[in-house]
Amino acid sequence: MTLEITTLGILVGFIIGLIVAFAKISRLKIFNVPAASYIYIIRGTPLLLQLFVIYYGLASVIRIPEIPSAFIALGIHNGAYLAEILRGAIQSIDRGQMEAARSLGMTQAKAMRRIILPQAFKRAIPPLGNQFIIATKDSSLASTIAVPELILKARQIGSSTFLYMEMLVTVAIWYLLMTTTLTIIVNKIENRLKVSEYQD
């Protein structure tokens, strides 16, 4: 369940992050003010509080089950951080490239899709990898709303067998395995992109 929540949380967060990144770099206040407010509020409050707001706070309006609450909260939380990572990567691309693409007859959307975004994603890979690792560890907070992930399972088994330390060490090893695997994957992607850059 930990992997499912993390994967869905990251996916939701990436979609939110991409939309918010474009909204924040927009010159229109109707887009960039809400985007900046969202980033300010979400980055300034803890994930646990956001999780409780979605699961307990919204219960009087709409009842969201534990698992959807967990990945929605993770997605909203990570979306703010991913938005800043993507915004920074997009804005780091030299403006001359956009102007050159426009002078070749490309629309702004086409130039962004074909010229700017591929380069921005390459630059964003290291911080994106870090954020994915943080999201994996943050998924443990889902145990506070009774989502059956690793921490909750370990507590349940520990309370019935009294093997608390053994269960906690097992959970720590699982988290280390997951974050190590993720680190290796990110490093391989980063190295492959570097190689393709040199080949270009």
N, C-alpha and C. Protein backbone atom coordinates (compact mmCIF):
# COMPACT_ATOMS: atom_id res chain seq x y z
N MET A 1 0.82 -1.21 0.00
CA MET A 1 0.00 0.00 0.00
C MET A 1 0.86 1.27 0.00
N THR A 2 2.04 1.19 0.64
CA THR A 2 2.94 2.35 0.67
C THR A 2 3.33 2.78 -0.74
N LEU A 3 3.67 1.78 -1.58
CA LEU A 3 4.09 2.09 -2.95
C LEU A 3 2.94 2.69 -3.76
N GLU A 4 1.73 2.15 -3.58
CA GLU A 4 0.58 2.67 -4.32
C GLU A 4 0.30 4.12 -3.95
N ILE A 5 0.29 4.38 -2.64
CA ILE A 5 0.01 5.75 -2.17
C ILE A 5 1.09 6.72 -2.68
N THR A 6 2.35 6.28 -2.58
CA THR A 6 3.45 7.15 -3.03
C THR A 6 3.35 7.44 -4.52
N THR A 7 3.12 6.37 -5.32
CA THR A 7 3.05 6.53 -6.78
C THR A 7 1.90 7.46 -7.18
N LEU A 8 0.72 7.22 -6.60
CA LEU A 8 -0.43 8.07 -6.93
C LEU A 8 -0.20 9.50 -6.44
N GLY A 9 0.39 9.63 -5.24
CA GLY A 9 0.66 10.97 -4.70
C GLY A 9 1.62 11.75 -5.58
N ILE A 10 2.65 11.06 -6.07
CA ILE A 10 3.63 11.73 -6.93
C ILE A 10 3.00 12.09 -8.28
N LEU A 11 2.19 11.17 -8.81
CA LEU A 11 1.54 11.43 -10.10
C LEU A 11 0.61 12.65 -10.00
N VAL A 12 -0.22 12.65 -8.97
CA VAL A 12 -1.13 13.79 -8.76
C VAL A 12 -0.31 15.07 -8.54
N GLY A 13 0.74 14.95 -7.74
CA GLY A 13 1.59 16.11 -7.45
C GLY A 13 2.27 16.65 -8.69
N PHE A 14 2.72 15.76 -9.58
CA PHE A 14 3.40 16.20 -10.79
C PHE A 14 2.44 16.97 -11.71
N ILE A 15 1.21 16.45 -11.84
CA ILE A 15 0.22 17.14 -12.69
C ILE A 15 -0.09 18.52 -12.11
N ILE A 16 -0.33 18.56 -10.78
CA ILE A 16 -0.61 19.85 -10.13
C ILE A 16 0.60 20.78 -10.29
N GLY A 17 1.80 20.23 -10.05
CA GLY A 17 3.01 21.03 -10.12
C GLY A 17 3.23 21.65 -11.48
N LEU A 18 2.98 20.87 -12.54
CA LEU A 18 3.17 21.39 -13.90
C LEU A 18 2.19 22.52 -14.20
N ILE A 19 0.92 22.32 -13.81
CA ILE A 19 -0.10 23.35 -14.05
C ILE A 19 0.23 24.62 -13.27
N VAL A 20 0.59 24.43 -11.99
CA VAL A 20 0.87 25.59 -11.12
C VAL A 20 2.15 26.31 -11.59
N ALA A 21 3.14 25.56 -12.08
CA ALA A 21 4.37 26.19 -12.57
C ALA A 21 4.07 27.12 -13.73
N PHE A 22 3.24 26.65 -14.68
CA PHE A 22 2.87 27.50 -15.82
C PHE A 22 2.04 28.70 -15.35
N ALA A 23 1.16 28.46 -14.37
CA ALA A 23 0.33 29.56 -13.85
C ALA A 23 1.20 30.62 -13.18
N LYS A 24 2.22 30.19 -12.47
CA LYS A 24 3.05 31.15 -11.74
C LYS A 24 3.94 31.98 -12.67
N ILE A 25 4.37 31.39 -13.78
CA ILE A 25 5.21 32.18 -14.69
C ILE A 25 4.37 33.01 -15.67
N SER A 26 3.04 32.82 -15.59
CA SER A 26 2.17 33.62 -16.44
C SER A 26 2.22 35.09 -16.03
N ARG A 27 2.04 35.97 -17.00
CA ARG A 27 2.02 37.41 -16.70
C ARG A 27 0.64 37.85 -16.23
N LEU A 28 -0.35 36.98 -16.33
CA LEU A 28 -1.71 37.33 -15.93
C LEU A 28 -1.91 37.08 -14.44
N LYS A 29 -2.35 38.11 -13.72
CA LYS A 29 -2.52 37.98 -12.27
C LYS A 29 -3.58 36.95 -11.91
N ILE A 30 -4.56 36.78 -12.78
CA ILE A 30 -5.63 35.82 -12.50
C ILE A 30 -5.08 34.40 -12.37
N PHE A 31 -3.91 34.17 -12.97
CA PHE A 31 -3.26 32.85 -12.85
C PHE A 31 -2.15 32.85 -11.81
N ASN A 32 -1.26 33.86 -11.88
CA ASN A 32 -0.07 33.77 -11.02
C ASN A 32 -0.34 34.07 -9.54
N VAL A 33 -1.37 34.87 -9.24
CA VAL A 33 -1.65 35.14 -7.82
C VAL A 33 -2.19 33.89 -7.11
N PRO A 34 -3.20 33.19 -7.69
CA PRO A 34 -3.64 31.94 -7.02
C PRO A 34 -2.53 30.90 -6.94
N ALA A 35 -1.69 30.82 -7.98
CA ALA A 35 -0.60 29.84 -7.97
C ALA A 35 0.40 30.16 -6.86
N ALA A 36 0.77 31.43 -6.72
CA ALA A 36 1.71 31.83 -5.66
C ALA A 36 1.09 31.60 -4.28
N SER A 37 -0.21 31.87 -4.14
CA SER A 37 -0.89 31.67 -2.85
C SER A 37 -0.91 30.19 -2.47
N TYR A 38 -1.20 29.35 -3.45
CA TYR A 38 -1.23 27.90 -3.21
C TYR A 38 0.15 27.42 -2.73
N ILE A 39 1.20 27.84 -3.43
CA ILE A 39 2.56 27.42 -3.05
C ILE A 39 2.90 27.93 -1.65
N TYR A 40 2.55 29.19 -1.37
CA TYR A 40 2.86 29.79 -0.06
C TYR A 40 2.16 29.03 1.07
N ILE A 41 0.88 28.73 0.89
CA ILE A 41 0.10 28.07 1.95
C ILE A 41 0.56 26.63 2.16
N ILE A 42 0.71 25.89 1.06
CA ILE A 42 1.04 24.46 1.18
C ILE A 42 2.47 24.27 1.71
N ARG A 43 3.41 25.08 1.24
CA ARG A 43 4.80 24.94 1.72
C ARG A 43 4.95 25.43 3.16
N GLY A 44 4.02 26.27 3.60
CA GLY A 44 4.12 26.82 4.95
C GLY A 44 3.38 26.04 6.01
N THR A 45 2.71 24.98 5.61
CA THR A 45 1.97 24.16 6.59
C THR A 45 2.41 22.70 6.48
N PRO A 46 2.36 21.96 7.59
CA PRO A 46 2.85 20.57 7.55
C PRO A 46 1.91 19.63 6.80
N LEU A 47 2.51 18.59 6.22
CA LEU A 47 1.72 17.59 5.49
C LEU A 47 0.69 16.93 6.40
N LEU A 48 1.06 16.69 7.67
CA LEU A 48 0.12 16.03 8.59
C LEU A 48 -1.16 16.85 8.74
N LEU A 49 -1.01 18.17 8.85
CA LEU A 49 -2.17 19.05 8.97
C LEU A 49 -3.02 18.98 7.70
N GLN A 50 -2.38 19.00 6.53
CA GLN A 50 -3.12 18.91 5.26
C GLN A 50 -3.86 17.58 5.15
N LEU A 51 -3.23 16.52 5.64
CA LEU A 51 -3.86 15.21 5.63
C LEU A 51 -5.11 15.20 6.51
N PHE A 52 -5.01 15.80 7.70
CA PHE A 52 -6.15 15.85 8.62
C PHE A 52 -7.28 16.73 8.07
N VAL A 53 -6.90 17.83 7.40
CA VAL A 53 -7.92 18.71 6.82
C VAL A 53 -8.74 17.96 5.78
N ILE A 54 -8.06 17.19 4.94
CA ILE A 54 -8.77 16.46 3.88
C ILE A 54 -9.59 15.30 4.46
N TYR A 55 -9.03 14.59 5.43
CA TYR A 55 -9.72 13.40 5.94
C TYR A 55 -10.78 13.75 7.00
N TYR A 56 -10.40 14.58 7.98
CA TYR A 56 -11.33 14.93 9.07
C TYR A 56 -12.08 16.23 8.79
N GLY A 57 -11.34 17.25 8.31
CA GLY A 57 -11.93 18.57 8.14
C GLY A 57 -13.03 18.63 7.10
N LEU A 58 -12.85 17.90 6.01
CA LEU A 58 -13.87 17.93 4.95
C LEU A 58 -15.00 16.93 5.18
N ALA A 59 -14.89 16.16 6.27
CA ALA A 59 -15.88 15.08 6.50
C ALA A 59 -17.30 15.60 6.62
N SER A 60 -17.46 16.85 7.13
CA SER A 60 -18.81 17.40 7.28
C SER A 60 -19.40 17.81 5.93
N VAL A 61 -18.54 17.98 4.92
CA VAL A 61 -19.01 18.38 3.58
C VAL A 61 -19.01 17.17 2.64
N ILE A 62 -17.87 16.48 2.60
CA ILE A 62 -17.76 15.30 1.75
C ILE A 62 -16.86 14.29 2.45
N ARG A 63 -17.31 13.06 2.50
CA ARG A 63 -16.52 12.01 3.18
C ARG A 63 -15.60 11.35 2.17
N ILE A 64 -14.30 11.55 2.36
CA ILE A 64 -13.31 10.93 1.47
C ILE A 64 -12.66 9.77 2.23
N PRO A 65 -12.69 8.55 1.70
CA PRO A 65 -12.08 7.40 2.39
C PRO A 65 -10.59 7.61 2.65
N GLU A 66 -10.02 6.74 3.49
CA GLU A 66 -8.64 6.91 3.95
C GLU A 66 -7.62 6.94 2.80
N ILE A 67 -7.68 5.95 1.93
CA ILE A 67 -6.64 5.83 0.89
C ILE A 67 -6.68 7.01 -0.10
N PRO A 68 -7.87 7.36 -0.66
CA PRO A 68 -7.89 8.56 -1.51
C PRO A 68 -7.45 9.82 -0.77
N SER A 69 -7.82 9.94 0.52
CA SER A 69 -7.39 11.11 1.29
C SER A 69 -5.87 11.18 1.35
N ALA A 70 -5.24 10.01 1.52
CA ALA A 70 -3.78 9.97 1.65
C ALA A 70 -3.10 10.42 0.37
N PHE A 71 -3.53 9.88 -0.79
CA PHE A 71 -2.80 10.27 -2.01
C PHE A 71 -3.19 11.66 -2.50
N ILE A 72 -4.41 12.11 -2.16
CA ILE A 72 -4.78 13.49 -2.51
C ILE A 72 -3.91 14.47 -1.70
N ALA A 73 -3.78 14.20 -0.39
CA ALA A 73 -2.96 15.08 0.46
C ALA A 73 -1.50 15.07 0.00
N LEU A 74 -0.98 13.89 -0.31
CA LEU A 74 0.39 13.80 -0.80
C LEU A 74 0.56 14.55 -2.11
N GLY A 75 -0.44 14.40 -2.99
CA GLY A 75 -0.39 15.07 -4.29
C GLY A 75 -0.41 16.58 -4.15
N ILE A 76 -1.31 17.09 -3.30
CA ILE A 76 -1.40 18.54 -3.09
C ILE A 76 -0.11 19.07 -2.46
N HIS A 77 0.41 18.33 -1.47
CA HIS A 77 1.63 18.75 -0.79
C HIS A 77 2.82 18.76 -1.75
N ASN A 78 3.00 17.68 -2.48
CA ASN A 78 4.14 17.60 -3.40
C ASN A 78 3.98 18.53 -4.59
N GLY A 79 2.72 18.82 -4.96
CA GLY A 79 2.47 19.71 -6.08
C GLY A 79 3.11 21.08 -5.89
N ALA A 80 3.08 21.59 -4.65
CA ALA A 80 3.65 22.91 -4.38
C ALA A 80 5.18 22.89 -4.58
N TYR A 81 5.82 21.83 -4.09
CA TYR A 81 7.28 21.74 -4.23
C TYR A 81 7.68 21.48 -5.69
N LEU A 82 6.93 20.58 -6.35
CA LEU A 82 7.24 20.27 -7.75
C LEU A 82 7.01 21.49 -8.64
N ALA A 83 6.00 22.30 -8.30
CA ALA A 83 5.74 23.51 -9.08
C ALA A 83 6.95 24.44 -9.05
N GLU A 84 7.54 24.61 -7.87
CA GLU A 84 8.71 25.48 -7.76
C GLU A 84 9.92 24.90 -8.49
N ILE A 85 10.08 23.58 -8.41
CA ILE A 85 11.19 22.93 -9.12
C ILE A 85 11.04 23.13 -10.63
N LEU A 86 9.83 22.87 -11.14
CA LEU A 86 9.59 22.98 -12.59
C LEU A 86 9.66 24.44 -13.05
N ARG A 87 9.12 25.35 -12.23
CA ARG A 87 9.18 26.77 -12.59
C ARG A 87 10.64 27.23 -12.72
N GLY A 88 11.44 26.85 -11.74
CA GLY A 88 12.85 27.23 -11.77
C GLY A 88 13.56 26.66 -12.99
N ALA A 89 13.25 25.40 -13.32
CA ALA A 89 13.90 24.76 -14.47
C ALA A 89 13.48 25.43 -15.78
N ILE A 90 12.20 25.76 -15.90
CA ILE A 90 11.71 26.41 -17.13
C ILE A 90 12.35 27.79 -17.29
N GLN A 91 12.39 28.54 -16.18
CA GLN A 91 12.93 29.90 -16.25
C GLN A 91 14.45 29.92 -16.41
N SER A 92 15.10 28.76 -16.16
CA SER A 92 16.56 28.73 -16.32
C SER A 92 16.98 28.59 -17.79
N ILE A 93 16.02 28.25 -18.65
CA ILE A 93 16.34 28.13 -20.08
C ILE A 93 16.44 29.54 -20.68
N ASP A 94 17.49 29.73 -21.43
CA ASP A 94 17.74 31.07 -22.01
C ASP A 94 16.55 31.54 -22.86
N ARG A 95 16.14 32.79 -22.65
CA ARG A 95 14.99 33.33 -23.39
C ARG A 95 15.23 33.36 -24.90
N GLY A 96 16.50 33.44 -25.27
CA GLY A 96 16.84 33.48 -26.69
C GLY A 96 16.35 32.25 -27.44
N GLN A 97 16.24 31.12 -26.73
CA GLN A 97 15.79 29.90 -27.39
C GLN A 97 14.32 30.00 -27.79
N MET A 98 13.52 30.61 -26.92
CA MET A 98 12.12 30.83 -27.25
C MET A 98 12.00 31.79 -28.43
N GLU A 99 12.80 32.86 -28.39
CA GLU A 99 12.76 33.85 -29.47
C GLU A 99 13.19 33.21 -30.79
N ALA A 100 14.23 32.35 -30.73
CA ALA A 100 14.69 31.68 -31.95
C ALA A 100 13.62 30.75 -32.51
N ALA A 101 12.95 30.02 -31.60
CA ALA A 101 11.88 29.10 -32.04
C ALA A 101 10.73 29.88 -32.67
N ARG A 102 10.37 31.03 -32.06
CA ARG A 102 9.28 31.86 -32.60
C ARG A 102 9.67 32.42 -33.97
N SER A 103 10.96 32.77 -34.11
CA SER A 103 11.39 33.33 -35.40
C SER A 103 11.36 32.27 -36.51
N LEU A 104 11.39 30.98 -36.10
CA LEU A 104 11.29 29.90 -37.09
C LEU A 104 9.84 29.57 -37.44
N GLY A 105 8.92 30.27 -36.82
CA GLY A 105 7.51 30.09 -37.15
C GLY A 105 6.74 29.23 -36.17
N MET A 106 7.37 28.82 -35.08
CA MET A 106 6.66 28.01 -34.08
C MET A 106 5.75 28.90 -33.24
N THR A 107 4.62 28.32 -32.82
CA THR A 107 3.78 29.04 -31.86
C THR A 107 4.45 28.95 -30.50
N GLN A 108 3.98 29.77 -29.55
CA GLN A 108 4.58 29.74 -28.21
C GLN A 108 4.40 28.37 -27.56
N ALA A 109 3.20 27.79 -27.75
CA ALA A 109 2.92 26.48 -27.15
C ALA A 109 3.82 25.40 -27.75
N LYS A 110 3.99 25.45 -29.07
CA LYS A 110 4.83 24.45 -29.75
C LYS A 110 6.29 24.60 -29.34
N ALA A 111 6.75 25.85 -29.24
CA ALA A 111 8.14 26.09 -28.83
C ALA A 111 8.36 25.61 -27.40
N MET A 112 7.36 25.84 -26.55
CA MET A 112 7.48 25.39 -25.17
C MET A 112 7.55 23.86 -25.11
N ARG A 113 6.69 23.21 -25.90
CA ARG A 113 6.62 21.73 -25.86
C ARG A 113 7.86 21.09 -26.46
N ARG A 114 8.36 21.63 -27.56
CA ARG A 114 9.46 20.97 -28.29
C ARG A 114 10.85 21.47 -27.90
N ILE A 115 10.95 22.70 -27.47
CA ILE A 115 12.28 23.28 -27.21
C ILE A 115 12.55 23.48 -25.71
N ILE A 116 11.63 24.15 -25.04
CA ILE A 116 11.89 24.57 -23.65
C ILE A 116 11.71 23.41 -22.66
N LEU A 117 10.53 22.75 -22.74
CA LEU A 117 10.24 21.71 -21.73
C LEU A 117 11.24 20.55 -21.72
N PRO A 118 11.66 20.00 -22.87
CA PRO A 118 12.63 18.90 -22.81
C PRO A 118 13.92 19.29 -22.08
N GLN A 119 14.40 20.52 -22.32
CA GLN A 119 15.61 20.97 -21.63
C GLN A 119 15.35 21.22 -20.15
N ALA A 120 14.17 21.77 -19.86
CA ALA A 120 13.83 22.06 -18.45
C ALA A 120 13.74 20.76 -17.65
N PHE A 121 13.15 19.71 -18.24
CA PHE A 121 13.03 18.44 -17.53
C PHE A 121 14.40 17.85 -17.23
N LYS A 122 15.34 17.99 -18.16
CA LYS A 122 16.70 17.49 -17.91
C LYS A 122 17.30 18.18 -16.70
N ARG A 123 17.14 19.48 -16.62
CA ARG A 123 17.71 20.22 -15.49
C ARG A 123 16.98 19.92 -14.19
N ALA A 124 15.70 19.54 -14.30
CA ALA A 124 14.91 19.32 -13.08
C ALA A 124 15.06 17.91 -12.51
N ILE A 125 15.73 17.02 -13.22
CA ILE A 125 15.79 15.61 -12.78
C ILE A 125 16.36 15.46 -11.36
N PRO A 126 17.52 16.07 -11.02
CA PRO A 126 18.04 15.87 -9.64
C PRO A 126 17.08 16.34 -8.54
N PRO A 127 16.55 17.59 -8.60
CA PRO A 127 15.61 17.98 -7.53
C PRO A 127 14.31 17.18 -7.56
N LEU A 128 13.86 16.77 -8.76
CA LEU A 128 12.65 15.93 -8.83
C LEU A 128 12.89 14.60 -8.12
N GLY A 129 14.08 14.03 -8.33
CA GLY A 129 14.43 12.77 -7.67
C GLY A 129 14.41 12.93 -6.16
N ASN A 130 14.98 14.04 -5.67
CA ASN A 130 14.97 14.29 -4.22
C ASN A 130 13.55 14.38 -3.69
N GLN A 131 12.69 15.08 -4.44
CA GLN A 131 11.31 15.25 -3.98
C GLN A 131 10.57 13.91 -3.98
N PHE A 132 10.85 13.04 -4.94
CA PHE A 132 10.20 11.73 -4.97
C PHE A 132 10.62 10.89 -3.76
N ILE A 133 11.89 11.01 -3.38
CA ILE A 133 12.37 10.26 -2.20
C ILE A 133 11.69 10.79 -0.93
N ILE A 134 11.58 12.12 -0.84
CA ILE A 134 10.89 12.71 0.32
C ILE A 134 9.43 12.24 0.36
N ALA A 135 8.78 12.19 -0.81
CA ALA A 135 7.38 11.76 -0.86
C ALA A 135 7.23 10.31 -0.40
N THR A 136 8.20 9.48 -0.73
CA THR A 136 8.16 8.07 -0.31
C THR A 136 8.16 7.98 1.21
N LYS A 137 9.03 8.77 1.85
CA LYS A 137 9.10 8.74 3.31
C LYS A 137 7.86 9.40 3.93
N ASP A 138 7.36 10.46 3.29
CA ASP A 138 6.18 11.16 3.81
C ASP A 138 4.94 10.27 3.81
N SER A 139 4.92 9.25 2.94
CA SER A 139 3.73 8.39 2.85
C SER A 139 3.47 7.67 4.17
N SER A 140 4.49 7.60 5.04
CA SER A 140 4.30 6.94 6.35
C SER A 140 3.27 7.67 7.20
N LEU A 141 3.06 8.98 6.94
CA LEU A 141 2.07 9.75 7.72
C LEU A 141 0.65 9.26 7.47
N ALA A 142 0.45 8.52 6.37
CA ALA A 142 -0.89 7.99 6.08
C ALA A 142 -1.36 7.03 7.16
N SER A 143 -0.42 6.49 7.95
CA SER A 143 -0.81 5.57 9.03
C SER A 143 -1.66 6.29 10.08
N THR A 144 -1.53 7.64 10.16
CA THR A 144 -2.29 8.39 11.18
C THR A 144 -3.78 8.44 10.89
N ILE A 145 -4.17 8.13 9.64
CA ILE A 145 -5.62 8.06 9.34
C ILE A 145 -6.02 6.62 8.99
N ALA A 146 -5.22 5.68 9.53
CA ALA A 146 -5.54 4.25 9.44
C ALA A 146 -5.41 3.65 8.05
N VAL A 147 -4.56 4.23 7.21
CA VAL A 147 -4.25 3.60 5.92
C VAL A 147 -3.29 2.44 6.19
N PRO A 148 -3.59 1.25 5.68
CA PRO A 148 -2.76 0.07 6.02
C PRO A 148 -1.43 0.04 5.28
N GLU A 149 -0.56 1.02 5.58
CA GLU A 149 0.78 1.04 4.97
C GLU A 149 1.78 0.42 5.95
N LEU A 150 3.07 0.52 5.67
CA LEU A 150 4.09 -0.23 6.42
C LEU A 150 4.09 0.07 7.93
N ILE A 151 4.04 1.36 8.28
CA ILE A 151 4.12 1.72 9.71
C ILE A 151 2.93 1.15 10.48
N LEU A 152 1.74 1.30 9.90
CA LEU A 152 0.54 0.80 10.60
C LEU A 152 0.60 -0.72 10.75
N LYS A 153 1.00 -1.41 9.68
CA LYS A 153 1.11 -2.86 9.74
C LYS A 153 2.12 -3.29 10.81
N ALA A 154 3.24 -2.57 10.87
CA ALA A 154 4.28 -2.91 11.86
C ALA A 154 3.75 -2.72 13.28
N ARG A 155 2.99 -1.62 13.48
CA ARG A 155 2.41 -1.38 14.81
C ARG A 155 1.41 -2.46 15.19
N GLN A 156 0.60 -2.88 14.22
CA GLN A 156 -0.40 -3.91 14.50
C GLN A 156 0.27 -5.24 14.84
N ILE A 157 1.28 -5.61 14.04
CA ILE A 157 1.98 -6.88 14.31
C ILE A 157 2.75 -6.78 15.63
N GLY A 158 3.37 -5.61 15.88
CA GLY A 158 4.12 -5.42 17.12
C GLY A 158 3.24 -5.52 18.35
N SER A 159 2.01 -4.96 18.26
CA SER A 159 1.12 -5.00 19.42
C SER A 159 0.60 -6.40 19.71
N SER A 160 0.53 -7.25 18.68
CA SER A 160 0.04 -8.62 18.91
C SER A 160 1.16 -9.59 19.27
N THR A 161 2.39 -9.28 18.85
CA THR A 161 3.51 -10.20 19.11
C THR A 161 4.52 -9.64 20.12
N PHE A 162 4.38 -8.34 20.44
CA PHE A 162 5.33 -7.61 21.31
C PHE A 162 6.74 -7.52 20.72
N LEU A 163 6.84 -7.73 19.43
CA LEU A 163 8.14 -7.61 18.74
C LEU A 163 8.24 -6.22 18.08
N TYR A 164 8.10 -5.18 18.90
CA TYR A 164 8.07 -3.81 18.36
C TYR A 164 9.37 -3.46 17.63
N MET A 165 10.50 -3.70 18.29
CA MET A 165 11.78 -3.30 17.70
C MET A 165 12.04 -4.04 16.39
N GLU A 166 11.73 -5.34 16.36
CA GLU A 166 11.95 -6.13 15.14
C GLU A 166 11.10 -5.58 13.99
N MET A 167 9.86 -5.23 14.31
CA MET A 167 8.96 -4.70 13.27
C MET A 167 9.44 -3.34 12.77
N LEU A 168 9.90 -2.49 13.72
CA LEU A 168 10.36 -1.16 13.32
C LEU A 168 11.64 -1.24 12.48
N VAL A 169 12.53 -2.16 12.83
CA VAL A 169 13.75 -2.35 12.04
C VAL A 169 13.39 -2.86 10.64
N THR A 170 12.43 -3.77 10.57
CA THR A 170 11.99 -4.29 9.27
C THR A 170 11.44 -3.16 8.39
N VAL A 171 10.63 -2.29 9.00
CA VAL A 171 10.07 -1.15 8.25
C VAL A 171 11.20 -0.22 7.77
N ALA A 172 12.17 0.02 8.65
CA ALA A 172 13.29 0.89 8.27
C ALA A 172 14.05 0.29 7.08
N ILE A 173 14.25 -1.03 7.08
CA ILE A 173 14.95 -1.69 5.97
C ILE A 173 14.15 -1.55 4.67
N TRP A 174 12.81 -1.70 4.77
CA TRP A 174 11.97 -1.55 3.57
C TRP A 174 12.07 -0.14 2.99
N TYR A 175 12.02 0.86 3.90
CA TYR A 175 12.13 2.24 3.42
C TYR A 175 13.50 2.50 2.79
N LEU A 176 14.54 1.95 3.40
CA LEU A 176 15.88 2.12 2.83
C LEU A 176 15.97 1.48 1.45
N LEU A 177 15.36 0.30 1.31
CA LEU A 177 15.38 -0.39 0.00
C LEU A 177 14.65 0.44 -1.05
N MET A 178 13.49 0.98 -0.66
CA MET A 178 12.70 1.76 -1.63
C MET A 178 13.43 3.04 -2.04
N THR A 179 13.99 3.76 -1.05
CA THR A 179 14.66 5.02 -1.39
C THR A 179 15.97 4.77 -2.14
N THR A 180 16.65 3.66 -1.81
CA THR A 180 17.88 3.33 -2.54
C THR A 180 17.57 2.99 -4.00
N THR A 181 16.52 2.21 -4.20
CA THR A 181 16.10 1.86 -5.57
C THR A 181 15.75 3.11 -6.36
N LEU A 182 15.01 4.00 -5.72
CA LEU A 182 14.62 5.25 -6.37
C LEU A 182 15.85 6.10 -6.71
N THR A 183 16.80 6.15 -5.79
CA THR A 183 18.03 6.92 -6.04
C THR A 183 18.80 6.35 -7.23
N ILE A 184 18.89 5.02 -7.30
CA ILE A 184 19.60 4.39 -8.43
C ILE A 184 18.91 4.71 -9.76
N ILE A 185 17.57 4.62 -9.76
CA ILE A 185 16.81 4.91 -10.99
C ILE A 185 17.04 6.36 -11.43
N VAL A 186 16.95 7.29 -10.48
CA VAL A 186 17.14 8.72 -10.80
C VAL A 186 18.55 8.97 -11.33
N ASN A 187 19.56 8.34 -10.69
CA ASN A 187 20.95 8.51 -11.15
C ASN A 187 21.13 7.98 -12.57
N LYS A 188 20.49 6.83 -12.86
CA LYS A 188 20.62 6.26 -14.21
C LYS A 188 19.97 7.17 -15.25
N ILE A 189 18.79 7.70 -14.91
CA ILE A 189 18.11 8.62 -15.84
C ILE A 189 18.98 9.85 -16.07
N GLU A 190 19.54 10.38 -14.97
CA GLU A 190 20.37 11.58 -15.07
C GLU A 190 21.60 11.31 -15.94
N ASN A 191 22.26 10.16 -15.73
CA ASN A 191 23.45 9.83 -16.52
C ASN A 191 23.11 9.62 -18.00
N ARG A 192 21.96 8.97 -18.24
CA ARG A 192 21.55 8.73 -19.63
C ARG A 192 21.27 10.06 -20.34
N LEU A 193 20.63 10.98 -19.63
CA LEU A 193 20.35 12.29 -20.24
C LEU A 193 21.64 13.06 -20.50
N LYS A 194 22.63 12.90 -19.60
CA LYS A 194 23.92 13.58 -19.81
C LYS A 194 24.59 13.03 -21.06
N VAL A 195 24.55 11.68 -21.22
CA VAL A 195 25.16 11.05 -22.38
C VAL A 195 24.50 11.53 -23.66
N SER A 196 23.14 11.57 -23.66
CA SER A 196 22.43 12.00 -24.87
C SER A 196 22.73 13.46 -25.18
N GLU A 197 22.98 14.26 -24.12
CA GLU A 197 23.30 15.68 -24.32
C GLU A 197 24.64 15.82 -25.02
N TYR A 198 25.62 15.00 -24.57
CA TYR A 198 26.94 15.04 -25.19
C TYR A 198 26.88 14.57 -26.64
N GLN A 199 26.01 13.56 -26.89
CA GLN A 199 25.91 13.03 -28.25
C GLN A 199 25.31 14.06 -29.20
N ASP A 200 24.38 14.92 -28.61
CA ASP A 200 23.78 15.98 -29.44
C ASP A 200 24.88 16.96 -29.87
